[in-house]
């Protein structure tokens, strides 16, 4: 897996959310540098867990759709002397 990287705009939004969380939930003033450092830490150390969960969820959606397509194909199959 390649390194998880965010665009400048994404990083700015996430850093803002980290700072807001620390201010509102922990009553700590957290600077942008510290929040960005924490974001980089989480991306590197636990990002793969979130990434993999997203893949698992996407795979489940895809499997459900493929099953639906498979059923639709069987529904339009014409009867013949040979059955499967």
PDB file of N, CA and C in Angstrom:
ATOM      1  N   UNK A   1       0.848  -1.180   0.000  1.00  0.00           N
ATOM      2  CA  UNK A   1       0.000   0.000   0.000  1.00  0.00           C
ATOM      3  C   UNK A   1       0.886   1.233   0.000  1.00  0.00           C
ATOM      4  N   UNK A   2       0.530   2.180  -0.822  1.00  0.00           N
ATOM      5  CA  UNK A   2       1.295   3.419  -0.845  1.00  0.00           C
ATOM      6  C   UNK A   2       0.924   4.291   0.355  1.00  0.00           C
ATOM      7  N   UNK A   3       1.765   5.249   0.613  1.00  0.00           N
ATOM      8  CA  UNK A   3       1.560   6.153   1.748  1.00  0.00           C
ATOM      9  C   UNK A   3       0.256   6.933   1.567  1.00  0.00           C
ATOM     10  N   UNK A   4      -0.495   7.080   2.650  1.00  0.00           N
ATOM     11  CA  UNK A   4      -1.736   7.846   2.608  1.00  0.00           C
ATOM     12  C   UNK A   4      -1.386   9.329   2.639  1.00  0.00           C
ATOM     13  N   UNK A   5      -1.808  10.030   1.615  1.00  0.00           N
ATOM     14  CA  UNK A   5      -1.527  11.463   1.526  1.00  0.00           C
ATOM     15  C   UNK A   5      -2.825  12.210   1.227  1.00  0.00           C
ATOM     16  N   UNK A   6      -2.914  13.396   1.777  1.00  0.00           N
ATOM     17  CA  UNK A   6      -4.080  14.240   1.571  1.00  0.00           C
ATOM     18  C   UNK A   6      -3.668  15.491   0.812  1.00  0.00           C
ATOM     19  N   UNK A   7      -4.611  16.060   0.059  1.00  0.00           N
ATOM     20  CA  UNK A   7      -4.351  17.329  -0.610  1.00  0.00           C
ATOM     21  C   UNK A   7      -4.214  18.417   0.457  1.00  0.00           C
ATOM     22  N   UNK A   8      -3.710  19.560   0.071  1.00  0.00           N
ATOM     23  CA  UNK A   8      -3.560  20.685   1.012  1.00  0.00           C
ATOM     24  C   UNK A   8      -4.916  21.043   1.602  1.00  0.00           C
ATOM     25  N   UNK A   9      -5.925  21.092   0.744  1.00  0.00           N
ATOM     26  CA  UNK A   9      -7.269  21.454   1.205  1.00  0.00           C
ATOM     27  C   UNK A   9      -7.806  20.418   2.191  1.00  0.00           C
ATOM     28  N   UNK A  10      -7.641  19.133   1.890  1.00  0.00           N
ATOM     29  CA  UNK A  10      -8.101  18.082   2.800  1.00  0.00           C
ATOM     30  C   UNK A  10      -7.368  18.171   4.132  1.00  0.00           C
ATOM     31  N   UNK A  11      -6.051  18.356   4.045  1.00  0.00           N
ATOM     32  CA  UNK A  11      -5.245  18.429   5.263  1.00  0.00           C
ATOM     33  C   UNK A  11      -5.678  19.610   6.126  1.00  0.00           C
ATOM     34  N   UNK A  12      -5.944  20.749   5.507  1.00  0.00           N
ATOM     35  CA  UNK A  12      -6.389  21.929   6.252  1.00  0.00           C
ATOM     36  C   UNK A  12      -7.701  21.651   6.997  1.00  0.00           C
ATOM     37  N   UNK A  13      -8.638  20.976   6.324  1.00  0.00           N
ATOM     38  CA  UNK A  13      -9.924  20.660   6.951  1.00  0.00           C
ATOM     39  C   UNK A  13      -9.718  19.705   8.121  1.00  0.00           C
ATOM     40  N   UNK A  14      -8.917  18.656   7.903  1.00  0.00           N
ATOM     41  CA  UNK A  14      -8.701  17.657   8.958  1.00  0.00           C
ATOM     42  C   UNK A  14      -7.971  18.277  10.143  1.00  0.00           C
ATOM     43  N   UNK A  15      -6.952  19.075   9.874  1.00  0.00           N
ATOM     44  CA  UNK A  15      -6.216  19.752  10.954  1.00  0.00           C
ATOM     45  C   UNK A  15      -7.159  20.644  11.748  1.00  0.00           C
ATOM     46  N   UNK A  16      -8.057  21.343  11.060  1.00  0.00           N
ATOM     47  CA  UNK A  16      -9.044  22.172  11.749  1.00  0.00           C
ATOM     48  C   UNK A  16      -9.942  21.350  12.665  1.00  0.00           C
ATOM     49  N   UNK A  17     -10.337  20.173  12.196  1.00  0.00           N
ATOM     50  CA  UNK A  17     -11.184  19.299  13.020  1.00  0.00           C
ATOM     51  C   UNK A  17     -10.421  18.777  14.239  1.00  0.00           C
ATOM     52  N   UNK A  18      -9.155  18.456  14.074  1.00  0.00           N
ATOM     53  CA  UNK A  18      -8.335  17.998  15.204  1.00  0.00           C
ATOM     54  C   UNK A  18      -8.206  19.114  16.240  1.00  0.00           C
ATOM     55  N   UNK A  19      -7.909  20.327  15.776  1.00  0.00           N
ATOM     56  CA  UNK A  19      -7.768  21.459  16.699  1.00  0.00           C
ATOM     57  C   UNK A  19      -9.073  21.716  17.440  1.00  0.00           C
ATOM     58  N   UNK A  20     -10.187  21.653  16.723  1.00  0.00           N
ATOM     59  CA  UNK A  20     -11.495  21.880  17.332  1.00  0.00           C
ATOM     60  C   UNK A  20     -11.793  20.807  18.377  1.00  0.00           C
ATOM     61  N   UNK A  21     -11.485  19.560  18.069  1.00  0.00           N
ATOM     62  CA  UNK A  21     -11.709  18.473  19.017  1.00  0.00           C
ATOM     63  C   UNK A  21     -10.913  18.698  20.297  1.00  0.00           C
ATOM     64  N   UNK A  22      -9.638  19.017  20.158  1.00  0.00           N
ATOM     65  CA  UNK A  22      -8.811  19.228  21.345  1.00  0.00           C
ATOM     66  C   UNK A  22      -9.302  20.418  22.166  1.00  0.00           C
ATOM     67  N   UNK A  23      -9.770  21.465  21.485  1.00  0.00           N
ATOM     68  CA  UNK A  23     -10.254  22.640  22.193  1.00  0.00           C
ATOM     69  C   UNK A  23     -11.570  22.360  22.910  1.00  0.00           C
ATOM     70  N   UNK A  24     -12.515  21.729  22.210  1.00  0.00           N
ATOM     71  CA  UNK A  24     -13.848  21.535  22.779  1.00  0.00           C
ATOM     72  C   UNK A  24     -13.944  20.336  23.721  1.00  0.00           C
ATOM     73  N   UNK A  25     -13.249  19.260  23.426  1.00  0.00           N
ATOM     74  CA  UNK A  25     -13.380  18.040  24.220  1.00  0.00           C
ATOM     75  C   UNK A  25     -12.331  17.910  25.317  1.00  0.00           C
ATOM     76  N   UNK A  26     -11.158  18.455  25.084  1.00  0.00           N
ATOM     77  CA  UNK A  26     -10.058  18.280  26.039  1.00  0.00           C
ATOM     78  C   UNK A  26      -9.593  19.593  26.666  1.00  0.00           C
ATOM     79  N   UNK A  27     -10.249  20.690  26.269  1.00  0.00           N
ATOM     80  CA  UNK A  27      -9.890  22.018  26.781  1.00  0.00           C
ATOM     81  C   UNK A  27      -8.398  22.317  26.634  1.00  0.00           C
ATOM     82  N   UNK A  28      -7.846  21.950  25.486  1.00  0.00           N
ATOM     83  CA  UNK A  28      -6.433  22.207  25.196  1.00  0.00           C
ATOM     84  C   UNK A  28      -6.328  22.997  23.901  1.00  0.00           C
ATOM     85  N   UNK A  29      -5.465  23.997  23.913  1.00  0.00           N
ATOM     86  CA  UNK A  29      -5.201  24.745  22.701  1.00  0.00           C
ATOM     87  C   UNK A  29      -4.139  23.979  21.918  1.00  0.00           C
ATOM     88  N   UNK A  30      -4.510  23.513  20.766  1.00  0.00           N
ATOM     89  CA  UNK A  30      -3.642  22.664  19.951  1.00  0.00           C
ATOM     90  C   UNK A  30      -3.283  23.440  18.699  1.00  0.00           C
ATOM     91  N   UNK A  31      -2.008  23.676  18.454  1.00  0.00           N
ATOM     92  CA  UNK A  31      -1.570  24.430  17.292  1.00  0.00           C
ATOM     93  C   UNK A  31      -1.653  23.631  16.006  1.00  0.00           C
ATOM     94  N   UNK A  32      -1.586  24.340  14.884  1.00  0.00           N
ATOM     95  CA  UNK A  32      -1.663  23.689  13.579  1.00  0.00           C
ATOM     96  C   UNK A  32      -0.536  22.695  13.367  1.00  0.00           C
ATOM     97  N   UNK A  33       0.676  23.062  13.800  1.00  0.00           N
ATOM     98  CA  UNK A  33       1.824  22.161  13.632  1.00  0.00           C
ATOM     99  C   UNK A  33       1.579  20.854  14.391  1.00  0.00           C
ATOM    100  N   UNK A  34       1.140  20.966  15.639  1.00  0.00           N
ATOM    101  CA  UNK A  34       0.880  19.773  16.443  1.00  0.00           C
ATOM    102  C   UNK A  34      -0.239  18.929  15.841  1.00  0.00           C
ATOM    103  N   UNK A  35      -1.290  19.578  15.370  1.00  0.00           N
ATOM    104  CA  UNK A  35      -2.416  18.851  14.771  1.00  0.00           C
ATOM    105  C   UNK A  35      -1.983  18.154  13.487  1.00  0.00           C
ATOM    106  N   UNK A  36      -1.164  18.815  12.698  1.00  0.00           N
ATOM    107  CA  UNK A  36      -0.681  18.201  11.461  1.00  0.00           C
ATOM    108  C   UNK A  36       0.254  17.030  11.771  1.00  0.00           C
ATOM    109  N   UNK A  37       1.069  17.174  12.788  1.00  0.00           N
ATOM    110  CA  UNK A  37       1.954  16.097  13.217  1.00  0.00           C
ATOM    111  C   UNK A  37       1.129  14.892  13.666  1.00  0.00           C
ATOM    112  N   UNK A  38       0.057  15.144  14.428  1.00  0.00           N
ATOM    113  CA  UNK A  38      -0.822  14.071  14.883  1.00  0.00           C
ATOM    114  C   UNK A  38      -1.515  13.400  13.701  1.00  0.00           C
ATOM    115  N   UNK A  39      -1.969  14.188  12.745  1.00  0.00           N
ATOM    116  CA  UNK A  39      -2.590  13.642  11.539  1.00  0.00           C
ATOM    117  C   UNK A  39      -1.615  12.729  10.801  1.00  0.00           C
ATOM    118  N   UNK A  40      -0.384  13.174  10.624  1.00  0.00           N
ATOM    119  CA  UNK A  40       0.626  12.364   9.944  1.00  0.00           C
ATOM    120  C   UNK A  40       0.883  11.062  10.700  1.00  0.00           C
ATOM    121  N   UNK A  41       0.916  11.150  12.027  1.00  0.00           N
ATOM    122  CA  UNK A  41       1.114   9.956  12.846  1.00  0.00           C
ATOM    123  C   UNK A  41      -0.019   8.964  12.619  1.00  0.00           C
ATOM    124  N   UNK A  42      -1.273   9.447  12.704  1.00  0.00           N
ATOM    125  CA  UNK A  42      -2.417   8.558  12.516  1.00  0.00           C
ATOM    126  C   UNK A  42      -2.446   7.984  11.102  1.00  0.00           C
ATOM    127  N   UNK A  43      -2.153   8.798  10.114  1.00  0.00           N
ATOM    128  CA  UNK A  43      -2.158   8.317   8.737  1.00  0.00           C
ATOM    129  C   UNK A  43      -1.135   7.198   8.558  1.00  0.00           C
ATOM    130  N   UNK A  44       0.030   7.365   9.154  1.00  0.00           N
ATOM    131  CA  UNK A  44       1.093   6.379   9.003  1.00  0.00           C
ATOM    132  C   UNK A  44       0.851   5.128   9.853  1.00  0.00           C
ATOM    133  N   UNK A  45       0.410   5.323  11.083  1.00  0.00           N
ATOM    134  CA  UNK A  45       0.318   4.203  12.019  1.00  0.00           C
ATOM    135  C   UNK A  45      -1.009   3.440  11.984  1.00  0.00           C
ATOM    136  N   UNK A  46      -2.123   4.139  11.768  1.00  0.00           N
ATOM    137  CA  UNK A  46      -3.409   3.434  11.776  1.00  0.00           C
ATOM    138  C   UNK A  46      -4.220   3.659  10.507  1.00  0.00           C
ATOM    139  N   UNK A  47      -3.697   4.439   9.604  1.00  0.00           N
ATOM    140  CA  UNK A  47      -4.418   4.705   8.356  1.00  0.00           C
ATOM    141  C   UNK A  47      -4.766   3.457   7.584  1.00  0.00           C
ATOM    142  N   UNK A  48      -3.880   2.464   7.603  1.00  0.00           N
ATOM    143  CA  UNK A  48      -4.129   1.223   6.864  1.00  0.00           C
ATOM    144  C   UNK A  48      -5.373   0.501   7.381  1.00  0.00           C
ATOM    145  N   UNK A  49      -5.650   0.610   8.668  1.00  0.00           N
ATOM    146  CA  UNK A  49      -6.845  -0.029   9.215  1.00  0.00           C
ATOM    147  C   UNK A  49      -8.113   0.593   8.639  1.00  0.00           C
ATOM    148  N   UNK A  50      -8.147   1.923   8.555  1.00  0.00           N
ATOM    149  CA  UNK A  50      -9.291   2.613   7.980  1.00  0.00           C
ATOM    150  C   UNK A  50      -9.388   2.338   6.479  1.00  0.00           C
ATOM    151  N   UNK A  51      -8.248   2.342   5.816  1.00  0.00           N
ATOM    152  CA  UNK A  51      -8.187   2.064   4.383  1.00  0.00           C
ATOM    153  C   UNK A  51      -8.745   0.668   4.092  1.00  0.00           C
ATOM    154  N   UNK A  52      -8.262  -0.319   4.848  1.00  0.00           N
ATOM    155  CA  UNK A  52      -8.722  -1.691   4.641  1.00  0.00           C
ATOM    156  C   UNK A  52     -10.203  -1.835   4.941  1.00  0.00           C
ATOM    157  N   UNK A  53     -10.697  -1.167   5.979  1.00  0.00           N
ATOM    158  CA  UNK A  53     -12.127  -1.219   6.278  1.00  0.00           C
ATOM    159  C   UNK A  53     -12.925  -0.670   5.098  1.00  0.00           C
ATOM    160  N   UNK A  54     -12.448   0.400   4.495  1.00  0.00           N
ATOM    161  CA  UNK A  54     -13.102   0.949   3.305  1.00  0.00           C
ATOM    162  C   UNK A  54     -13.112  -0.047   2.153  1.00  0.00           C
ATOM    163  N   UNK A  55     -11.998  -0.753   1.978  1.00  0.00           N
ATOM    164  CA  UNK A  55     -11.940  -1.777   0.941  1.00  0.00           C
ATOM    165  C   UNK A  55     -12.924  -2.904   1.226  1.00  0.00           C
ATOM    166  N   UNK A  56     -12.993  -3.356   2.477  1.00  0.00           N
ATOM    167  CA  UNK A  56     -13.935  -4.423   2.846  1.00  0.00           C
ATOM    168  C   UNK A  56     -15.372  -3.983   2.568  1.00  0.00           C
ATOM    169  N   UNK A  57     -15.690  -2.748   2.936  1.00  0.00           N
ATOM    170  CA  UNK A  57     -17.039  -2.237   2.711  1.00  0.00           C
ATOM    171  C   UNK A  57     -17.336  -2.131   1.211  1.00  0.00           C
ATOM    172  N   UNK A  58     -16.364  -1.654   0.433  1.00  0.00           N
ATOM    173  CA  UNK A  58     -16.543  -1.547  -1.016  1.00  0.00           C
ATOM    174  C   UNK A  58     -16.717  -2.928  -1.636  1.00  0.00           C
ATOM    175  N   UNK A  59     -15.946  -3.904  -1.161  1.00  0.00           N
ATOM    176  CA  UNK A  59     -16.047  -5.270  -1.673  1.00  0.00           C
ATOM    177  C   UNK A  59     -17.443  -5.836  -1.380  1.00  0.00           C
ATOM    178  N   UNK A  60     -17.976  -5.576  -0.197  1.00  0.00           N
ATOM    179  CA  UNK A  60     -19.305  -6.074   0.155  1.00  0.00           C
ATOM    180  C   UNK A  60     -20.372  -5.468  -0.753  1.00  0.00           C
ATOM    181  N   UNK A  61     -20.268  -4.181  -1.039  1.00  0.00           N
ATOM    182  CA  UNK A  61     -21.229  -3.522  -1.930  1.00  0.00           C
ATOM    183  C   UNK A  61     -21.119  -4.117  -3.333  1.00  0.00           C
ATOM    184  N   UNK A  62     -19.889  -4.287  -3.795  1.00  0.00           N
ATOM    185  CA  UNK A  62     -19.673  -4.842  -5.132  1.00  0.00           C
ATOM    186  C   UNK A  62     -20.206  -6.271  -5.230  1.00  0.00           C
ATOM    187  N   UNK A  63     -19.947  -7.101  -4.227  1.00  0.00           N
ATOM    188  CA  UNK A  63     -20.456  -8.477  -4.239  1.00  0.00           C
ATOM    189  C   UNK A  63     -21.973  -8.503  -4.268  1.00  0.00           C
ATOM    190  N   UNK A  64     -22.618  -7.613  -3.518  1.00  0.00           N
ATOM    191  CA  UNK A  64     -24.080  -7.551  -3.512  1.00  0.00           C
ATOM    192  C   UNK A  64     -24.606  -7.141  -4.886  1.00  0.00           C
ATOM    193  N   UNK A  65     -23.945  -6.187  -5.510  1.00  0.00           N
ATOM    194  CA  UNK A  65     -24.370  -5.745  -6.844  1.00  0.00           C
ATOM    195  C   UNK A  65     -24.166  -6.850  -7.874  1.00  0.00           C
ATOM    196  N   UNK A  66     -23.020  -7.545  -7.786  1.00  0.00           N
ATOM    197  CA  UNK A  66     -22.756  -8.624  -8.735  1.00  0.00           C
ATOM    198  C   UNK A  66     -23.771  -9.754  -8.579  1.00  0.00           C
ATOM    199  N   UNK A  67     -24.157 -10.036  -7.348  1.00  0.00           N
ATOM    200  CA  UNK A  67     -25.176 -11.058  -7.101  1.00  0.00           C
ATOM    201  C   UNK A  67     -26.497 -10.642  -7.733  1.00  0.00           C
ATOM    202  N   UNK A  68     -26.827  -9.371  -7.615  1.00  0.00           N
ATOM    203  CA  UNK A  68     -28.054  -8.849  -8.201  1.00  0.00           C
ATOM    204  C   UNK A  68     -28.001  -8.953  -9.731  1.00  0.00           C
ATOM    205  N   UNK A  69     -26.860  -8.650 -10.318  1.00  0.00           N
ATOM    206  CA  UNK A  69     -26.696  -8.756 -11.767  1.00  0.00           C
ATOM    207  C   UNK A  69     -26.802 -10.213 -12.201  1.00  0.00           C
ATOM    208  N   UNK A  70     -26.172 -11.101 -11.447  1.00  0.00           N
ATOM    209  CA  UNK A  70     -26.223 -12.531 -11.746  1.00  0.00           C
ATOM    210  C   UNK A  70     -27.668 -13.022 -11.745  1.00  0.00           C
ATOM    211  N   UNK A  71     -28.439 -12.611 -10.743  1.00  0.00           N
ATOM    212  CA  UNK A  71     -29.847 -12.994 -10.667  1.00  0.00           C
ATOM    213  C   UNK A  71     -30.627 -12.442 -11.860  1.00  0.00           C
ATOM    214  N   UNK A  72     -30.331 -11.216 -12.252  1.00  0.00           N
ATOM    215  CA  UNK A  72     -31.024 -10.603 -13.379  1.00  0.00           C
ATOM    216  C   UNK A  72     -30.723 -11.351 -14.675  1.00  0.00           C
ATOM    217  N   UNK A  73     -29.505 -11.830 -14.821  1.00  0.00           N
ATOM    218  CA  UNK A  73     -29.144 -12.593 -16.024  1.00  0.00           C
ATOM    219  C   UNK A  73     -29.917 -13.907 -16.063  1.00  0.00           C
ATOM    220  N   UNK A  74     -30.001 -14.595 -14.917  1.00  0.00           N
ATOM    221  CA  UNK A  74     -30.780 -15.835 -14.873  1.00  0.00           C
ATOM    222  C   UNK A  74     -32.254 -15.593 -15.172  1.00  0.00           C
ATOM    223  N   UNK A  75     -32.768 -14.463 -14.778  1.00  0.00           N
ATOM    224  CA  UNK A  75     -34.180 -14.147 -15.025  1.00  0.00           C
ATOM    225  C   UNK A  75     -34.486 -14.003 -16.510  1.00  0.00           C
ATOM    226  N   UNK A  76     -33.534 -13.526 -17.289  1.00  0.00           N
ATOM    227  CA  UNK A  76     -33.794 -13.329 -18.723  1.00  0.00           C
ATOM    228  C   UNK A  76     -33.337 -14.512 -19.576  1.00  0.00           C
ATOM    229  N   UNK A  77     -32.788 -15.529 -18.932  1.00  0.00           N
ATOM    230  CA  UNK A  77     -32.338 -16.708 -19.665  1.00  0.00           C
ATOM    231  C   UNK A  77     -33.548 -17.418 -20.276  1.00  0.00           C
ATOM    232  N   UNK A  78     -33.405 -17.845 -21.517  1.00  0.00           N
ATOM    233  CA  UNK A  78     -34.480 -18.545 -22.236  1.00  0.00           C
ATOM    234  C   UNK A  78     -34.377 -20.042 -21.940  1.00  0.00           C
ATOM    235  N   UNK A  79     -35.521 -20.652 -21.834  1.00  0.00           N
ATOM    236  CA  UNK A  79     -35.571 -22.091 -21.583  1.00  0.00           C
ATOM    237  C   UNK A  79     -35.091 -22.859 -22.815  1.00  0.00           C
ATOM    238  N   UNK A  80     -34.279 -23.863 -22.593  1.00  0.00           N
ATOM    239  CA  UNK A  80     -33.803 -24.738 -23.658  1.00  0.00           C
ATOM    240  C   UNK A  80     -33.879 -26.183 -23.154  1.00  0.00           C
ATOM    241  N   UNK A  81     -33.548 -27.090 -24.020  1.00  0.00           N
ATOM    242  CA  UNK A  81     -33.548 -28.504 -23.643  1.00  0.00           C
ATOM    243  C   UNK A  81     -32.385 -28.815 -22.695  1.00  0.00           C
ATOM    244  N   UNK A  82     -31.404 -27.956 -22.677  1.00  0.00           N
ATOM    245  CA  UNK A  82     -30.244 -28.135 -21.799  1.00  0.00           C
ATOM    246  C   UNK A  82     -30.370 -27.120 -20.675  1.00  0.00           C
ATOM    247  N   UNK A  83     -30.327 -27.594 -19.450  1.00  0.00           N
ATOM    248  CA  UNK A  83     -30.412 -26.662 -18.317  1.00  0.00           C
ATOM    249  C   UNK A  83     -29.097 -26.668 -17.554  1.00  0.00           C
ATOM    250  N   UNK A  84     -28.837 -25.634 -16.893  1.00  0.00           N
ATOM    251  CA  UNK A  84     -27.591 -25.497 -16.113  1.00  0.00           C
ATOM    252  C   UNK A  84     -27.874 -25.573 -14.660  1.00  0.00           C
TER     253      UNK A  84
END
